[in-house]
Amino acid sequence: MPNRNDTQRAVTKTAKSIKDGADAMFDSVENAVEKVESAAMNAVDKTADAINRATDDER
C-alpha cells in the first residue's frame, strides 16, 4: 500500500500534467484566435482599399 508521501507525489505529478496539458491547449487556442483576428483585420483593410479605389474611379 502506498504511503502518504507517495500519494502526495502522485497527486502533485497528476496536477502538473493536467496544468501542462491545459497550458498547451490554451496556447493553441490563443494562436488560432490571433490568426482569425489577423485574417479579419486583413479583410477590413482590403475592403477599405477596394472602397477607396472605387471612389477614386468615380472621379
N, C-alpha and C. Protein backbone atom coordinates (compact mmCIF):
# COMPACT_ATOMS: atom_id res chain seq x y z
N MET A 1 0.85 -1.17 0.00
CA MET A 1 0.00 0.00 0.00
C MET A 1 0.90 1.24 0.00
N PRO A 2 0.59 2.21 -0.90
CA PRO A 2 1.44 3.40 -0.95
C PRO A 2 1.29 4.22 0.33
N ASN A 3 2.40 4.85 0.70
CA ASN A 3 2.32 5.70 1.89
C ASN A 3 1.85 7.09 1.48
N ARG A 4 1.67 7.92 2.48
CA ARG A 4 1.13 9.26 2.26
C ARG A 4 2.01 10.09 1.32
N ASN A 5 3.32 10.03 1.48
CA ASN A 5 4.23 10.79 0.63
C ASN A 5 4.13 10.36 -0.83
N ASP A 6 4.03 9.05 -1.05
CA ASP A 6 3.88 8.55 -2.42
C ASP A 6 2.58 9.06 -3.05
N THR A 7 1.53 9.05 -2.27
CA THR A 7 0.23 9.53 -2.76
C THR A 7 0.30 11.01 -3.08
N GLN A 8 0.91 11.78 -2.19
CA GLN A 8 1.04 13.22 -2.43
C GLN A 8 1.86 13.52 -3.68
N ARG A 9 2.95 12.76 -3.87
CA ARG A 9 3.78 12.95 -5.07
C ARG A 9 2.97 12.61 -6.33
N ALA A 10 2.21 11.54 -6.26
CA ALA A 10 1.41 11.14 -7.42
C ALA A 10 0.35 12.19 -7.75
N VAL A 11 -0.29 12.73 -6.72
CA VAL A 11 -1.30 13.76 -6.93
C VAL A 11 -0.66 15.01 -7.51
N THR A 12 0.49 15.41 -6.98
CA THR A 12 1.19 16.59 -7.48
C THR A 12 1.61 16.39 -8.93
N LYS A 13 2.11 15.21 -9.25
CA LYS A 13 2.53 14.90 -10.62
C LYS A 13 1.33 14.94 -11.57
N THR A 14 0.21 14.39 -11.15
CA THR A 14 -1.00 14.40 -11.96
C THR A 14 -1.50 15.83 -12.18
N ALA A 15 -1.49 16.62 -11.13
CA ALA A 15 -1.94 18.02 -11.24
C ALA A 15 -1.05 18.79 -12.21
N LYS A 16 0.26 18.55 -12.14
CA LYS A 16 1.19 19.22 -13.05
C LYS A 16 0.93 18.80 -14.50
N SER A 17 0.68 17.53 -14.70
CA SER A 17 0.39 17.03 -16.05
C SER A 17 -0.88 17.68 -16.61
N ILE A 18 -1.89 17.80 -15.77
CA ILE A 18 -3.15 18.44 -16.20
C ILE A 18 -2.90 19.91 -16.54
N LYS A 19 -2.16 20.59 -15.68
CA LYS A 19 -1.87 22.01 -15.92
C LYS A 19 -1.03 22.20 -17.19
N ASP A 20 -0.05 21.34 -17.39
CA ASP A 20 0.78 21.44 -18.60
C ASP A 20 -0.06 21.21 -19.85
N GLY A 21 -0.96 20.24 -19.80
CA GLY A 21 -1.84 19.98 -20.94
C GLY A 21 -2.77 21.14 -21.20
N ALA A 22 -3.32 21.71 -20.15
CA ALA A 22 -4.21 22.85 -20.30
C ALA A 22 -3.45 24.05 -20.85
N ASP A 23 -2.23 24.25 -20.40
CA ASP A 23 -1.42 25.36 -20.88
C ASP A 23 -1.17 25.22 -22.39
N ALA A 24 -0.84 24.02 -22.82
CA ALA A 24 -0.60 23.78 -24.25
C ALA A 24 -1.88 24.02 -25.05
N MET A 25 -3.02 23.58 -24.51
CA MET A 25 -4.29 23.77 -25.20
C MET A 25 -4.62 25.26 -25.32
N PHE A 26 -4.44 26.00 -24.23
CA PHE A 26 -4.73 27.43 -24.26
C PHE A 26 -3.80 28.17 -25.22
N ASP A 27 -2.54 27.74 -25.29
CA ASP A 27 -1.63 28.34 -26.26
C ASP A 27 -2.11 28.10 -27.69
N SER A 28 -2.58 26.90 -27.96
CA SER A 28 -3.09 26.58 -29.29
C SER A 28 -4.32 27.43 -29.63
N VAL A 29 -5.22 27.55 -28.67
CA VAL A 29 -6.42 28.36 -28.88
C VAL A 29 -6.05 29.82 -29.09
N GLU A 30 -5.12 30.32 -28.30
CA GLU A 30 -4.68 31.71 -28.44
C GLU A 30 -4.08 31.95 -29.83
N ASN A 31 -3.26 31.02 -30.30
CA ASN A 31 -2.68 31.15 -31.63
C ASN A 31 -3.75 31.15 -32.71
N ALA A 32 -4.75 30.29 -32.55
CA ALA A 32 -5.84 30.24 -33.53
C ALA A 32 -6.63 31.54 -33.53
N VAL A 33 -6.89 32.09 -32.36
CA VAL A 33 -7.63 33.35 -32.26
C VAL A 33 -6.83 34.48 -32.91
N GLU A 34 -5.52 34.49 -32.69
CA GLU A 34 -4.68 35.52 -33.31
C GLU A 34 -4.71 35.42 -34.84
N LYS A 35 -4.73 34.20 -35.37
CA LYS A 35 -4.80 34.02 -36.82
C LYS A 35 -6.14 34.50 -37.36
N VAL A 36 -7.22 34.21 -36.65
CA VAL A 36 -8.55 34.68 -37.08
C VAL A 36 -8.60 36.20 -37.02
N GLU A 37 -8.07 36.77 -35.96
CA GLU A 37 -8.06 38.23 -35.82
C GLU A 37 -7.27 38.87 -36.97
N SER A 38 -6.12 38.30 -37.29
CA SER A 38 -5.31 38.83 -38.37
C SER A 38 -6.05 38.75 -39.70
N ALA A 39 -6.70 37.63 -39.96
CA ALA A 39 -7.46 37.48 -41.20
C ALA A 39 -8.60 38.48 -41.27
N ALA A 40 -9.28 38.70 -40.15
CA ALA A 40 -10.38 39.66 -40.11
C ALA A 40 -9.88 41.07 -40.37
N MET A 41 -8.76 41.43 -39.76
CA MET A 41 -8.21 42.77 -39.97
C MET A 41 -7.76 42.96 -41.41
N ASN A 42 -7.17 41.92 -42.00
CA ASN A 42 -6.78 41.99 -43.40
C ASN A 42 -8.00 42.16 -44.30
N ALA A 43 -9.09 41.48 -43.97
CA ALA A 43 -10.32 41.62 -44.75
C ALA A 43 -10.85 43.05 -44.67
N VAL A 44 -10.80 43.64 -43.49
CA VAL A 44 -11.25 45.02 -43.33
C VAL A 44 -10.37 45.96 -44.15
N ASP A 45 -9.06 45.75 -44.09
CA ASP A 45 -8.14 46.59 -44.86
C ASP A 45 -8.40 46.46 -46.36
N LYS A 46 -8.58 45.23 -46.83
CA LYS A 46 -8.83 45.02 -48.26
C LYS A 46 -10.16 45.64 -48.70
N THR A 47 -11.16 45.56 -47.83
CA THR A 47 -12.45 46.17 -48.13
C THR A 47 -12.32 47.69 -48.21
N ALA A 48 -11.60 48.26 -47.27
CA ALA A 48 -11.39 49.71 -47.28
C ALA A 48 -10.62 50.12 -48.54
N ASP A 49 -9.61 49.35 -48.91
CA ASP A 49 -8.85 49.64 -50.14
C ASP A 49 -9.75 49.57 -51.37
N ALA A 50 -10.60 48.56 -51.42
CA ALA A 50 -11.49 48.41 -52.57
C ALA A 50 -12.48 49.58 -52.66
N ILE A 51 -13.00 50.00 -51.52
CA ILE A 51 -13.92 51.15 -51.50
C ILE A 51 -13.19 52.41 -51.94
N ASN A 52 -11.97 52.59 -51.44
CA ASN A 52 -11.20 53.77 -51.84
C ASN A 52 -10.90 53.76 -53.34
N ARG A 53 -10.56 52.60 -53.89
CA ARG A 53 -10.30 52.51 -55.33
C ARG A 53 -11.56 52.81 -56.13
N ALA A 54 -12.69 52.27 -55.67
CA ALA A 54 -13.96 52.52 -56.37
C ALA A 54 -14.32 53.99 -56.32
N THR A 55 -14.08 54.62 -55.17
CA THR A 55 -14.35 56.05 -55.03
C THR A 55 -13.43 56.86 -55.95
N ASP A 56 -12.17 56.49 -56.04
CA ASP A 56 -11.23 57.17 -56.91
C ASP A 56 -11.62 57.02 -58.39
N ASP A 57 -12.12 55.82 -58.74
CA ASP A 57 -12.52 55.57 -60.12
C ASP A 57 -13.73 56.39 -60.54
N GLU A 58 -14.55 56.79 -59.58
CA GLU A 58 -15.75 57.57 -59.90
C GLU A 58 -15.42 59.02 -60.21
N ARG A 59 -14.26 59.48 -59.87
CA ARG A 59 -13.90 60.89 -60.07
C ARG A 59 -13.47 61.14 -61.46
